[in-house]
C-alpha atoms as a PDB file:
ATOM      1  CA  MET A   1     194.754  66.801-136.803  1.00  0.00           C
ATOM      2  CA  ASP A   2     193.664  65.343-133.394  1.00  0.00           C
ATOM      3  CA  LEU A   3     191.810  62.686-134.900  1.00  0.00           C
ATOM      4  CA  PHE A   4     194.940  61.472-136.790  1.00  0.00           C
ATOM      5  CA  PHE A   5     196.806  61.302-133.490  1.00  0.00           C
ATOM      6  CA  VAL A   6     194.077  59.416-131.836  1.00  0.00           C
ATOM      7  CA  LEU A   7     194.602  56.869-134.564  1.00  0.00           C
ATOM      8  CA  VAL A   8     198.249  56.955-134.316  1.00  0.00           C
ATOM      9  CA  LEU A   9     198.133  56.592-130.459  1.00  0.00           C
ATOM     10  CA  GLY A  10     195.805  53.426-130.892  1.00  0.00           C
ATOM     11  CA  LEU A  11     198.054  51.953-133.629  1.00  0.00           C
ATOM     12  CA  LEU A  12     201.089  52.303-131.621  1.00  0.00           C
ATOM     13  CA  PHE A  13     199.623  50.992-128.281  1.00  0.00           C
ATOM     14  CA  GLY A  14     197.828  48.205-130.091  1.00  0.00           C
ATOM     15  CA  GLY A  15     200.882  47.146-131.924  1.00  0.00           C
ATOM     16  CA  TYR A  16     202.833  47.288-128.715  1.00  0.00           C
ATOM     17  CA  LEU A  17     200.106  45.032-127.242  1.00  0.00           C
ATOM     18  CA  VAL A  18     200.247  42.533-130.000  1.00  0.00           C
ATOM     19  CA  LEU A  19     204.191  42.491-130.390  1.00  0.00           C
ATOM     20  CA  ASP A  20     205.298  42.566-126.585  1.00  0.00           C
ATOM     21  CA  GLY A  21     202.307  40.644-125.564  1.00  0.00           C
ATOM     22  CA  PHE A  22     203.900  37.509-127.120  1.00  0.00           C
ATOM     23  CA  ASP A  23     207.042  38.569-125.203  1.00  0.00           C
ATOM     24  CA  ILE A  24     205.256  38.706-121.875  1.00  0.00           C
ATOM     25  CA  GLY A  25     203.169  35.414-122.736  1.00  0.00           C
ATOM     26  CA  SER A  26     206.193  33.594-123.574  1.00  0.00           C
ATOM     27  CA  GLY A  27     208.075  34.847-120.557  1.00  0.00           C
ATOM     28  CA  MET A  28     205.427  33.508-118.224  1.00  0.00           C
ATOM     29  CA  LEU A  29     205.591  30.272-119.700  1.00  0.00           C
ATOM     30  CA  VAL A  30     209.366  29.779-119.868  1.00  0.00           C
ATOM     31  CA  ARG A  31     209.228  28.333-115.914  1.00  0.00           C
ATOM     32  CA  PRO A  32     206.111  26.429-116.092  1.00  0.00           C
ATOM     33  CA  LEU A  33     206.603  24.606-119.688  1.00  0.00           C
ATOM     34  CA  GLY A  34     210.424  24.701-119.782  1.00  0.00           C
ATOM     35  CA  ARG A  35     211.376  21.418-118.091  1.00  0.00           C
ATOM     36  CA  THR A  36     215.076  21.480-119.077  1.00  0.00           C
ATOM     37  CA  GLU A  37     217.806  23.997-119.740  1.00  0.00           C
ATOM     38  CA  TRP A  38     217.457  23.385-123.320  1.00  0.00           C
ATOM     39  CA  GLU A  39     213.881  24.029-123.498  1.00  0.00           C
ATOM     40  CA  ARG A  40     214.060  27.319-121.479  1.00  0.00           C
ATOM     41  CA  ARG A  41     217.038  28.455-123.631  1.00  0.00           C
ATOM     42  CA  ALA A  42     215.089  27.690-126.797  1.00  0.00           C
ATOM     43  CA  MET A  43     212.107  29.553-125.540  1.00  0.00           C
ATOM     44  CA  ILE A  44     213.814  32.673-124.646  1.00  0.00           C
ATOM     45  CA  THR A  45     215.858  32.470-128.017  1.00  0.00           C
ATOM     46  CA  ALA A  46     212.333  32.338-129.680  1.00  0.00           C
ATOM     47  CA  PHE A  47     211.430  35.731-128.480  1.00  0.00           C
ATOM     48  CA  GLY A  48     214.820  37.288-128.011  1.00  0.00           C
ATOM     49  CA  PRO A  49     215.323  38.746-131.323  1.00  0.00           C
ATOM     50  CA  PHE A  50     212.053  40.580-131.283  1.00  0.00           C
ATOM     51  CA  LEU A  51     212.100  41.801-127.247  1.00  0.00           C
ATOM     52  CA  LEU A  52     213.659  45.174-127.831  1.00  0.00           C
ATOM     53  CA  ALA A  53     212.145  46.031-131.079  1.00  0.00           C
ATOM     54  CA  ASN A  54     208.843  45.371-129.460  1.00  0.00           C
ATOM     55  CA  GLU A  55     209.568  47.644-126.651  1.00  0.00           C
ATOM     56  CA  VAL A  56     210.030  50.542-129.146  1.00  0.00           C
ATOM     57  CA  TRP A  57     206.277  50.688-129.766  1.00  0.00           C
ATOM     58  CA  LEU A  58     205.745  51.236-126.154  1.00  0.00           C
ATOM     59  CA  VAL A  59     208.488  54.040-126.067  1.00  0.00           C
ATOM     60  CA  ALA A  60     206.842  55.578-128.990  1.00  0.00           C
ATOM     61  CA  THR A  61     203.157  55.407-127.672  1.00  0.00           C
ATOM     62  CA  GLY A  62     204.723  57.261-124.709  1.00  0.00           C
ATOM     63  CA  GLY A  63     206.053  59.854-127.020  1.00  0.00           C
ATOM     64  CA  VAL A  64     202.779  60.707-128.921  1.00  0.00           C
ATOM     65  CA  LEU A  65     200.814  60.427-125.628  1.00  0.00           C
ATOM     66  CA  PHE A  66     202.796  63.096-123.823  1.00  0.00           C
ATOM     67  CA  GLY A  67     203.527  64.852-127.012  1.00  0.00           C
ATOM     68  CA  ALA A  68     200.050  65.076-128.704  1.00  0.00           C
ATOM     69  CA  PHE A  69     198.008  64.757-125.503  1.00  0.00           C
ATOM     70  CA  PRO A  70     199.689  66.595-122.730  1.00  0.00           C
ATOM     71  CA  LEU A  71     196.534  66.917-120.731  1.00  0.00           C
ATOM     72  CA  LEU A  72     196.720  63.026-120.251  1.00  0.00           C
ATOM     73  CA  GLU A  73     199.819  63.128-118.541  1.00  0.00           C
ATOM     74  CA  LYS A  74     197.998  64.430-115.285  1.00  0.00           C
ATOM     75  CA  GLU A  75     195.717  61.450-115.623  1.00  0.00           C
ATOM     76  CA  MET A  76     198.538  58.794-116.250  1.00  0.00           C
ATOM     77  CA  LEU A  77     201.234  60.245-114.070  1.00  0.00           C
ATOM     78  CA  GLY A  78     199.208  61.591-111.409  1.00  0.00           C
ATOM     79  CA  GLU A  79     195.696  60.030-110.785  1.00  0.00           C
ATOM     80  CA  LEU A  80     197.133  56.536-112.038  1.00  0.00           C
ATOM     81  CA  ARG A  81     200.581  56.918-110.645  1.00  0.00           C
ATOM     82  CA  ALA A  82     199.826  54.112-108.122  1.00  0.00           C
ATOM     83  CA  LEU A  83     199.288  51.892-110.989  1.00  0.00           C
ATOM     84  CA  VAL A  84     201.758  53.260-113.691  1.00  0.00           C
ATOM     85  CA  TRP A  85     205.016  53.300-111.986  1.00  0.00           C
ATOM     86  CA  PRO A  86     204.585  49.961-110.507  1.00  0.00           C
ATOM     87  CA  LEU A  87     204.057  48.911-113.919  1.00  0.00           C
ATOM     88  CA  LEU A  88     207.211  50.412-115.116  1.00  0.00           C
ATOM     89  CA  VAL A  89     209.161  48.631-112.427  1.00  0.00           C
ATOM     90  CA  VAL A  90     207.893  45.441-113.219  1.00  0.00           C
ATOM     91  CA  TRP A  91     208.905  46.256-116.996  1.00  0.00           C
ATOM     92  CA  MET A  92     212.540  46.787-115.866  1.00  0.00           C
ATOM     93  CA  VAL A  93     212.516  43.736-113.582  1.00  0.00           C
ATOM     94  CA  ARG A  94     211.462  41.693-116.359  1.00  0.00           C
ATOM     95  CA  ASP A  95     214.186  42.856-118.810  1.00  0.00           C
ATOM     96  CA  VAL A  96     216.680  42.375-115.895  1.00  0.00           C
ATOM     97  CA  ALA A  97     215.843  38.990-115.809  1.00  0.00           C
ATOM     98  CA  VAL A  98     215.984  38.159-119.398  1.00  0.00           C
ATOM     99  CA  TRP A  99     219.435  40.058-119.585  1.00  0.00           C
ATOM    100  CA  SER A 100     220.579  38.339-116.622  1.00  0.00           C
ATOM    101  CA  ARG A 101     219.836  34.837-116.778  1.00  0.00           C
ATOM    102  CA  SER A 102     222.773  33.832-119.226  1.00  0.00           C
ATOM    103  CA  ARG A 103     225.344  36.110-117.813  1.00  0.00           C
ATOM    104  CA  LEU A 104     226.716  33.042-115.494  1.00  0.00           C
ATOM    105  CA  PRO A 105     226.567  29.337-116.301  1.00  0.00           C
ATOM    106  CA  GLY A 106     225.371  28.142-113.082  1.00  0.00           C
ATOM    107  CA  VAL A 107     222.047  26.216-112.791  1.00  0.00           C
ATOM    108  CA  ARG A 108     220.652  28.034-109.711  1.00  0.00           C
ATOM    109  CA  TRP A 109     221.680  31.356-111.318  1.00  0.00           C
ATOM    110  CA  ARG A 110     219.677  30.594-114.466  1.00  0.00           C
ATOM    111  CA  GLY A 111     217.094  28.850-112.266  1.00  0.00           C
ATOM    112  CA  TRP A 112     216.490  32.074-110.239  1.00  0.00           C
ATOM    113  CA  TRP A 113     216.298  34.441-113.138  1.00  0.00           C
ATOM    114  CA  ASP A 114     213.850  32.028-114.909  1.00  0.00           C
ATOM    115  CA  VAL A 115     211.471  32.424-111.966  1.00  0.00           C
ATOM    116  CA  VAL A 116     211.967  35.900-111.618  1.00  0.00           C
ATOM    117  CA  LEU A 117     211.105  36.233-115.602  1.00  0.00           C
ATOM    118  CA  ALA A 118     207.927  34.370-115.275  1.00  0.00           C
ATOM    119  CA  VAL A 119     206.577  35.947-112.159  1.00  0.00           C
ATOM    120  CA  SER A 120     207.610  39.386-113.442  1.00  0.00           C
ATOM    121  CA  SER A 121     205.952  38.782-117.048  1.00  0.00           C
ATOM    122  CA  THR A 122     202.647  37.419-114.908  1.00  0.00           C
ATOM    123  CA  VAL A 123     202.545  40.512-112.987  1.00  0.00           C
ATOM    124  CA  PHE A 124     203.337  42.592-116.010  1.00  0.00           C
ATOM    125  CA  ALA A 125     200.457  41.071-117.860  1.00  0.00           C
ATOM    126  CA  ALA A 126     198.233  41.672-114.913  1.00  0.00           C
ATOM    127  CA  GLY A 127     199.391  45.139-114.746  1.00  0.00           C
ATOM    128  CA  TRP A 128     198.254  46.019-118.158  1.00  0.00           C
ATOM    129  CA  GLY A 129     194.670  44.477-117.392  1.00  0.00           C
ATOM    130  CA  MET A 130     194.438  46.772-114.599  1.00  0.00           C
ATOM    131  CA  LEU A 131     195.522  49.682-116.648  1.00  0.00           C
ATOM    132  CA  ILE A 132     193.102  48.798-119.617  1.00  0.00           C
ATOM    133  CA  ALA A 133     190.383  48.405-116.852  1.00  0.00           C
ATOM    134  CA  ASN A 134     191.072  51.994-115.603  1.00  0.00           C
ATOM    135  CA  LEU A 135     191.247  53.478-119.064  1.00  0.00           C
ATOM    136  CA  LEU A 136     187.893  51.924-119.660  1.00  0.00           C
ATOM    137  CA  VAL A 137     186.348  53.403-116.534  1.00  0.00           C
ATOM    138  CA  ARG A 138     188.054  56.923-116.946  1.00  0.00           C
ATOM    139  CA  PHE A 139     187.821  57.486-120.509  1.00  0.00           C
ATOM    140  CA  GLY A 140     184.846  55.109-121.638  1.00  0.00           C
ATOM    141  CA  GLY A 141     182.372  57.373-119.599  1.00  0.00           C
ATOM    142  CA  GLY A 142     182.359  55.651-116.252  1.00  0.00           C
ATOM    143  CA  GLY A 143     184.351  58.596-114.386  1.00  0.00           C
ATOM    144  CA  ALA A 144     186.585  57.746-111.636  1.00  0.00           C
ATOM    145  CA  ASP A 145     184.197  56.060-109.276  1.00  0.00           C
ATOM    146  CA  PHE A 146     185.888  52.681-109.529  1.00  0.00           C
ATOM    147  CA  PRO A 147     189.348  52.277-107.384  1.00  0.00           C
ATOM    148  CA  VAL A 148     192.484  51.816-109.071  1.00  0.00           C
ATOM    149  CA  TYR A 149     193.053  48.351-107.624  1.00  0.00           C
ATOM    150  CA  GLY A 150     189.209  47.604-107.337  1.00  0.00           C
ATOM    151  CA  TRP A 151     187.321  44.440-108.291  1.00  0.00           C
ATOM    152  CA  PHE A 152     186.784  45.551-111.778  1.00  0.00           C
ATOM    153  CA  SER A 153     190.857  45.982-112.300  1.00  0.00           C
ATOM    154  CA  LEU A 154     191.375  42.687-110.874  1.00  0.00           C
ATOM    155  CA  LEU A 155     188.808  40.977-113.406  1.00  0.00           C
ATOM    156  CA  TRP A 156     190.650  42.667-116.211  1.00  0.00           C
ATOM    157  CA  ALA A 157     194.020  41.526-114.776  1.00  0.00           C
ATOM    158  CA  VAL A 158     192.948  38.039-114.419  1.00  0.00           C
ATOM    159  CA  THR A 159     191.451  38.262-118.158  1.00  0.00           C
ATOM    160  CA  MET A 160     194.837  39.697-119.794  1.00  0.00           C
ATOM    161  CA  VAL A 161     196.890  37.143-117.904  1.00  0.00           C
ATOM    162  CA  ALA A 162     194.953  34.380-119.968  1.00  0.00           C
ATOM    163  CA  VAL A 163     194.851  36.142-122.959  1.00  0.00           C
ATOM    164  CA  PHE A 164     198.695  37.123-123.104  1.00  0.00           C
ATOM    165  CA  ALA A 165     199.357  33.396-121.996  1.00  0.00           C
ATOM    166  CA  GLY A 166     197.683  32.210-125.093  1.00  0.00           C
ATOM    167  CA  HIS A 167     199.073  34.668-127.173  1.00  0.00           C
ATOM    168  CA  GLY A 168     202.395  33.488-126.036  1.00  0.00           C
ATOM    169  CA  ALA A 169     201.792  30.035-126.191  1.00  0.00           C
ATOM    170  CA  VAL A 170     200.680  30.203-129.728  1.00  0.00           C
ATOM    171  CA  PHE A 171     203.710  32.373-130.693  1.00  0.00           C
ATOM    172  CA  LEU A 172     206.166  29.688-129.316  1.00  0.00           C
ATOM    173  CA  THR A 173     204.421  27.172-131.344  1.00  0.00           C
ATOM    174  CA  THR A 174     205.345  29.042-134.564  1.00  0.00           C
ATOM    175  CA  ARG A 175     209.185  29.353-133.415  1.00  0.00           C
ATOM    176  CA  LEU A 176     210.203  26.776-131.471  1.00  0.00           C
ATOM    177  CA  PRO A 177     211.440  23.192-132.878  1.00  0.00           C
ATOM    178  CA  GLN A 178     208.622  21.121-133.931  1.00  0.00           C
ATOM    179  CA  VAL A 179     209.028  18.664-131.085  1.00  0.00           C
ATOM    180  CA  LEU A 180     208.867  21.399-128.398  1.00  0.00           C
ATOM    181  CA  ALA A 181     206.325  23.101-130.356  1.00  0.00           C
ATOM    182  CA  ALA A 182     203.799  20.355-130.191  1.00  0.00           C
ATOM    183  CA  ALA A 183     204.241  19.997-126.433  1.00  0.00           C
ATOM    184  CA  VAL A 184     203.629  23.887-126.274  1.00  0.00           C
ATOM    185  CA  ALA A 185     200.581  23.587-128.586  1.00  0.00           C
ATOM    186  CA  VAL A 186     198.770  21.089-126.054  1.00  0.00           C
ATOM    187  CA  THR A 187     199.109  24.064-123.279  1.00  0.00           C
ATOM    188  CA  ALA A 188     198.010  26.333-125.892  1.00  0.00           C
ATOM    189  CA  ARG A 189     194.812  24.363-126.516  1.00  0.00           C
ATOM    190  CA  ARG A 190     193.985  24.410-122.883  1.00  0.00           C
ATOM    191  CA  VAL A 191     194.731  28.057-122.104  1.00  0.00           C
ATOM    192  CA  LEU A 192     192.910  29.618-125.076  1.00  0.00           C
ATOM    193  CA  PRO A 193     189.339  28.707-124.058  1.00  0.00           C
ATOM    194  CA  ALA A 194     189.994  30.233-120.748  1.00  0.00           C
ATOM    195  CA  GLY A 195     191.120  33.532-122.301  1.00  0.00           C
ATOM    196  CA  ALA A 196     187.887  33.350-124.512  1.00  0.00           C
ATOM    197  CA  GLY A 197     185.796  32.946-121.428  1.00  0.00           C
ATOM    198  CA  LEU A 198     187.247  35.405-119.196  1.00  0.00           C
ATOM    199  CA  LEU A 199     187.421  38.164-122.181  1.00  0.00           C
ATOM    200  CA  THR A 200     183.554  37.510-122.725  1.00  0.00           C
ATOM    201  CA  VAL A 201     182.971  37.902-119.028  1.00  0.00           C
ATOM    202  CA  ALA A 202     184.980  41.190-118.566  1.00  0.00           C
ATOM    203  CA  THR A 203     183.337  42.437-121.718  1.00  0.00           C
ATOM    204  CA  VAL A 204     179.812  41.914-120.463  1.00  0.00           C
ATOM    205  CA  VAL A 205     180.766  43.072-117.185  1.00  0.00           C
ATOM    206  CA  THR A 206     182.134  46.348-118.775  1.00  0.00           C
ATOM    207  CA  VAL A 207     179.048  47.095-120.958  1.00  0.00           C
ATOM    208  CA  VAL A 208     176.296  45.841-118.484  1.00  0.00           C
ATOM    209  CA  ALA A 209     177.770  47.003-115.093  1.00  0.00           C
ATOM    210  CA  GLY A 210     177.519  50.625-115.761  1.00  0.00           C
ATOM    211  CA  VAL A 211     181.120  51.069-116.106  1.00  0.00           C
ATOM    212  CA  LEU A 212     180.589  52.899-119.484  1.00  0.00           C
ATOM    213  CA  PRO A 213     177.186  54.786-118.152  1.00  0.00           C
ATOM    214  CA  GLN A 214     177.739  57.893-120.497  1.00  0.00           C
ATOM    215  CA  ARG A 215     178.220  56.452-123.514  1.00  0.00           C
ATOM    216  CA  THR A 216     175.181  54.668-124.514  1.00  0.00           C
ATOM    217  CA  GLY A 217     175.147  55.173-127.988  1.00  0.00           C
ATOM    218  CA  ALA A 218     178.520  53.339-128.020  1.00  0.00           C
ATOM    219  CA  LEU A 219     177.539  50.132-126.013  1.00  0.00           C
ATOM    220  CA  VAL A 220     176.372  47.984-128.688  1.00  0.00           C
ATOM    221  CA  PRO A 221     179.648  48.679-130.981  1.00  0.00           C
ATOM    222  CA  ALA A 222     181.615  48.252-127.682  1.00  0.00           C
ATOM    223  CA  ALA A 223     180.109  44.776-127.060  1.00  0.00           C
ATOM    224  CA  LEU A 224     180.233  43.566-130.548  1.00  0.00           C
ATOM    225  CA  ALA A 225     184.175  44.552-130.389  1.00  0.00           C
ATOM    226  CA  GLY A 226     184.586  42.776-127.479  1.00  0.00           C
ATOM    227  CA  LEU A 227     182.657  39.718-127.924  1.00  0.00           C
ATOM    228  CA  VAL A 228     184.301  39.121-131.445  1.00  0.00           C
ATOM    229  CA  ALA A 229     187.575  39.436-129.830  1.00  0.00           C
ATOM    230  CA  SER A 230     186.544  36.672-127.295  1.00  0.00           C
ATOM    231  CA  ALA A 231     185.925  34.571-130.302  1.00  0.00           C
ATOM    232  CA  ALA A 232     189.494  34.842-131.642  1.00  0.00           C
ATOM    233  CA  PRO A 233     191.228  32.485-128.965  1.00  0.00           C
ATOM    234  CA  LEU A 234     188.521  29.803-129.929  1.00  0.00           C
ATOM    235  CA  ALA A 235     189.424  30.345-133.533  1.00  0.00           C
ATOM    236  CA  ALA A 236     192.961  30.269-132.877  1.00  0.00           C
ATOM    237  CA  ARG A 237     192.518  26.989-131.388  1.00  0.00           C
ATOM    238  CA  ALA A 238     190.681  25.630-134.098  1.00  0.00           C
ATOM    239  CA  LEU A 239     193.661  26.769-136.170  1.00  0.00           C
ATOM    240  CA  LEU A 240     196.201  25.016-134.305  1.00  0.00           C
ATOM    241  CA  ASP A 241     194.322  21.792-134.383  1.00  0.00           C
ATOM    242  CA  LYS A 242     194.777  22.052-138.156  1.00  0.00           C
ATOM    243  CA  GLY A 243     198.418  22.765-137.701  1.00  0.00           C
ATOM    244  CA  ARG A 244     198.161  26.332-138.993  1.00  0.00           C
ATOM    245  CA  SER A 245     200.215  28.141-135.994  1.00  0.00           C
ATOM    246  CA  GLY A 246     200.633  31.471-138.230  1.00  0.00           C
ATOM    247  CA  PRO A 247     196.930  32.275-138.642  1.00  0.00           C
ATOM    248  CA  ALA A 248     196.326  31.149-135.175  1.00  0.00           C
ATOM    249  CA  LEU A 249     198.838  33.830-133.953  1.00  0.00           C
ATOM    250  CA  ALA A 250     196.915  36.281-135.922  1.00  0.00           C
ATOM    251  CA  MET A 251     193.868  35.403-134.057  1.00  0.00           C
ATOM    252  CA  THR A 252     195.280  35.742-130.527  1.00  0.00           C
ATOM    253  CA  ALA A 253     196.632  39.181-131.674  1.00  0.00           C
ATOM    254  CA  GLY A 254     193.062  40.296-132.223  1.00  0.00           C
ATOM    255  CA  ALA A 255     192.154  38.925-128.789  1.00  0.00           C
ATOM    256  CA  VAL A 256     195.018  41.297-127.353  1.00  0.00           C
ATOM    257  CA  VAL A 257     193.691  44.158-128.848  1.00  0.00           C
ATOM    258  CA  GLY A 258     190.108  43.164-128.096  1.00  0.00           C
ATOM    259  CA  PRO A 259     189.954  45.712-125.034  1.00  0.00           C
ATOM    260  CA  LEU A 260     191.787  48.514-126.851  1.00  0.00           C
ATOM    261  CA  LEU A 261     188.828  48.226-129.389  1.00  0.00           C
ATOM    262  CA  VAL A 262     186.138  48.410-126.681  1.00  0.00           C
ATOM    263  CA  LEU A 263     188.084  51.574-125.370  1.00  0.00           C
ATOM    264  CA  ALA A 264     188.215  52.896-128.799  1.00  0.00           C
ATOM    265  CA  THR A 265     184.312  52.927-129.364  1.00  0.00           C
ATOM    266  CA  THR A 266     183.662  54.735-126.106  1.00  0.00           C
ATOM    267  CA  GLY A 267     186.611  56.792-125.233  1.00  0.00           C
ATOM    268  CA  ALA A 268     188.115  58.110-128.561  1.00  0.00           C
ATOM    269  CA  ASP A 269     185.980  61.507-128.063  1.00  0.00           C
ATOM    270  CA  SER A 270     187.320  62.076-124.630  1.00  0.00           C
ATOM    271  CA  VAL A 271     191.035  61.452-125.891  1.00  0.00           C
ATOM    272  CA  ARG A 272     190.351  63.979-128.477  1.00  0.00           C
ATOM    273  CA  THR A 273     189.517  66.672-126.315  1.00  0.00           C
ATOM    274  CA  ALA A 274     192.777  66.260-124.434  1.00  0.00           C
ATOM    275  CA  ALA A 275     194.975  66.815-127.779  1.00  0.00           C
ATOM    276  CA  ALA A 276     197.421  69.674-127.969  1.00  0.00           C
ATOM    277  CA  ASP A 277     196.832  72.787-129.742  1.00  0.00           C
ATOM    278  CA  MET A 278     197.093  72.541-133.499  1.00  0.00           C
ATOM    279  CA  ALA A 279     200.560  74.347-134.009  1.00  0.00           C
ATOM    280  CA  SER A 280     202.107  71.511-131.414  1.00  0.00           C
ATOM    281  CA  LEU A 281     200.262  68.784-133.291  1.00  0.00           C
ATOM    282  CA  SER A 282     201.385  70.063-136.645  1.00  0.00           C
ATOM    283  CA  ALA A 283     204.986  70.103-135.666  1.00  0.00           C
ATOM    284  CA  LEU A 284     204.629  66.670-134.085  1.00  0.00           C
ATOM    285  CA  GLY A 285     202.822  65.313-137.221  1.00  0.00           C
ATOM    286  CA  GLY A 286     206.005  65.925-139.303  1.00  0.00           C
ATOM    287  CA  ILE A 287     208.156  63.813-137.223  1.00  0.00           C
ATOM    288  CA  THR A 288     205.340  61.237-136.863  1.00  0.00           C
ATOM    289  CA  ALA A 289     205.097  61.004-140.659  1.00  0.00           C
ATOM    290  CA  VAL A 290     208.890  60.258-141.070  1.00  0.00           C
ATOM    291  CA  VAL A 291     209.124  58.006-137.758  1.00  0.00           C
ATOM    292  CA  LEU A 292     206.033  55.690-137.992  1.00  0.00           C
ATOM    293  CA  PRO A 293     206.980  54.341-141.359  1.00  0.00           C
ATOM    294  CA  VAL A 294     210.516  53.470-140.129  1.00  0.00           C
ATOM    295  CA  VAL A 295     209.026  51.749-137.379  1.00  0.00           C
ATOM    296  CA  MET A 296     206.918  49.659-139.102  1.00  0.00           C
ATOM    297  CA  ILE A 297     209.228  48.740-141.969  1.00  0.00           C
ATOM    298  CA  GLY A 298     211.864  47.787-139.450  1.00  0.00           C
ATOM    299  CA  GLN A 299     209.338  45.559-137.852  1.00  0.00           C
ATOM    300  CA  VAL A 300     208.289  43.920-140.730  1.00  0.00           C
ATOM    301  CA  TYR A 301     211.935  43.152-141.789  1.00  0.00           C
ATOM    302  CA  LEU A 302     212.819  41.830-138.170  1.00  0.00           C
ATOM    303  CA  TRP A 303     209.849  39.398-138.773  1.00  0.00           C
ATOM    304  CA  TRP A 304     211.253  38.188-142.149  1.00  0.00           C
ATOM    305  CA  VAL A 305     214.706  37.808-140.946  1.00  0.00           C
ATOM    306  CA  PHE A 306     213.622  35.680-137.998  1.00  0.00           C
ATOM    307  CA  ARG A 307     210.690  33.682-139.707  1.00  0.00           C
ATOM    308  CA  HIS A 308     212.334  30.521-139.406  1.00  0.00           C
ATOM    309  CA  ARG A 309     211.889  28.031-136.273  1.00  0.00           C
ATOM    310  CA  VAL A 310     214.719  28.100-133.698  1.00  0.00           C
ATOM    311  CA  ASP A 311     217.331  25.502-134.153  1.00  0.00           C
ATOM    312  CA  ASP A 312     221.185  24.952-133.300  1.00  0.00           C
ATOM    313  CA  ARG A 313     222.176  27.598-135.472  1.00  0.00           C
ATOM    314  CA  SER A 314     219.827  30.455-134.449  1.00  0.00           C
ATOM    315  CA  VAL A 315     221.447  33.447-132.708  1.00  0.00           C
ATOM    316  CA  VAL A 316     221.184  33.820-128.961  1.00  0.00           C
ATOM    317  CA  PHE A 317     220.637  37.249-128.021  1.00  0.00           C
ATOM    318  CA  PHE A 318     220.087  36.645-124.374  1.00  0.00           C
END
């Protein structure tokens, strides 16, 4: 039962990183790429229908984490509170920016919130990179010798900013009108190789620099998982060159979950040891068996409804 919940936790967390990852990446690009109000409005309309549904995955991840793995609560809200609490604040600021930017028609009002959206999304991406770095250190076998905001965290922060930016750019090419999508694709082709390079460096450093010293048997699988994920942005770029933005988005999704796969190959056993007792897991298992399919079906239905590109008839959610 504990292994089942490790898999559920990984599925939910990975699903969140992929789904809200393109919201984060799109938000990062709203101000740099949106030269006019119409372009910025189109970008927000592109990811707007998915925003709240994608965040459900993070809420569900938190529910499983604290329900099935209560011993991790001390780790997440205790030892990592200097990182987790600011991350939650930035999350709220990002959402406030999305909700507020169209409440008033003024150019300065909207311009201000667009800047807040771009900055908070970038910081949010960096925060996820730092959290991933600290999870690698603590659950991958390295102990707690690395400071929360140390060089290793900063390396993963920069890496995930580039990875999320590429993921968001590719997503926008699938949803924006063709003319605007073509312009965004140019940026995507520039960002994706940077994401691939940084992900390669971060993976090699994670494996070679002694971050995972107690999991020697898992070092090769961890390295392979990270390097395969590092190749995904390059594959996405090649697919974009052929005009295949949908498959390219699948590739960038693989890059986003790459660090989680590295963590899974080295830290799954550590997470299992923090699981709740069997009675609690059994009770939570019944709820999970009902809720998880509903969340997944709802997500598939949402994608089906909003599978078309943004146009003048598109619903504006924010």
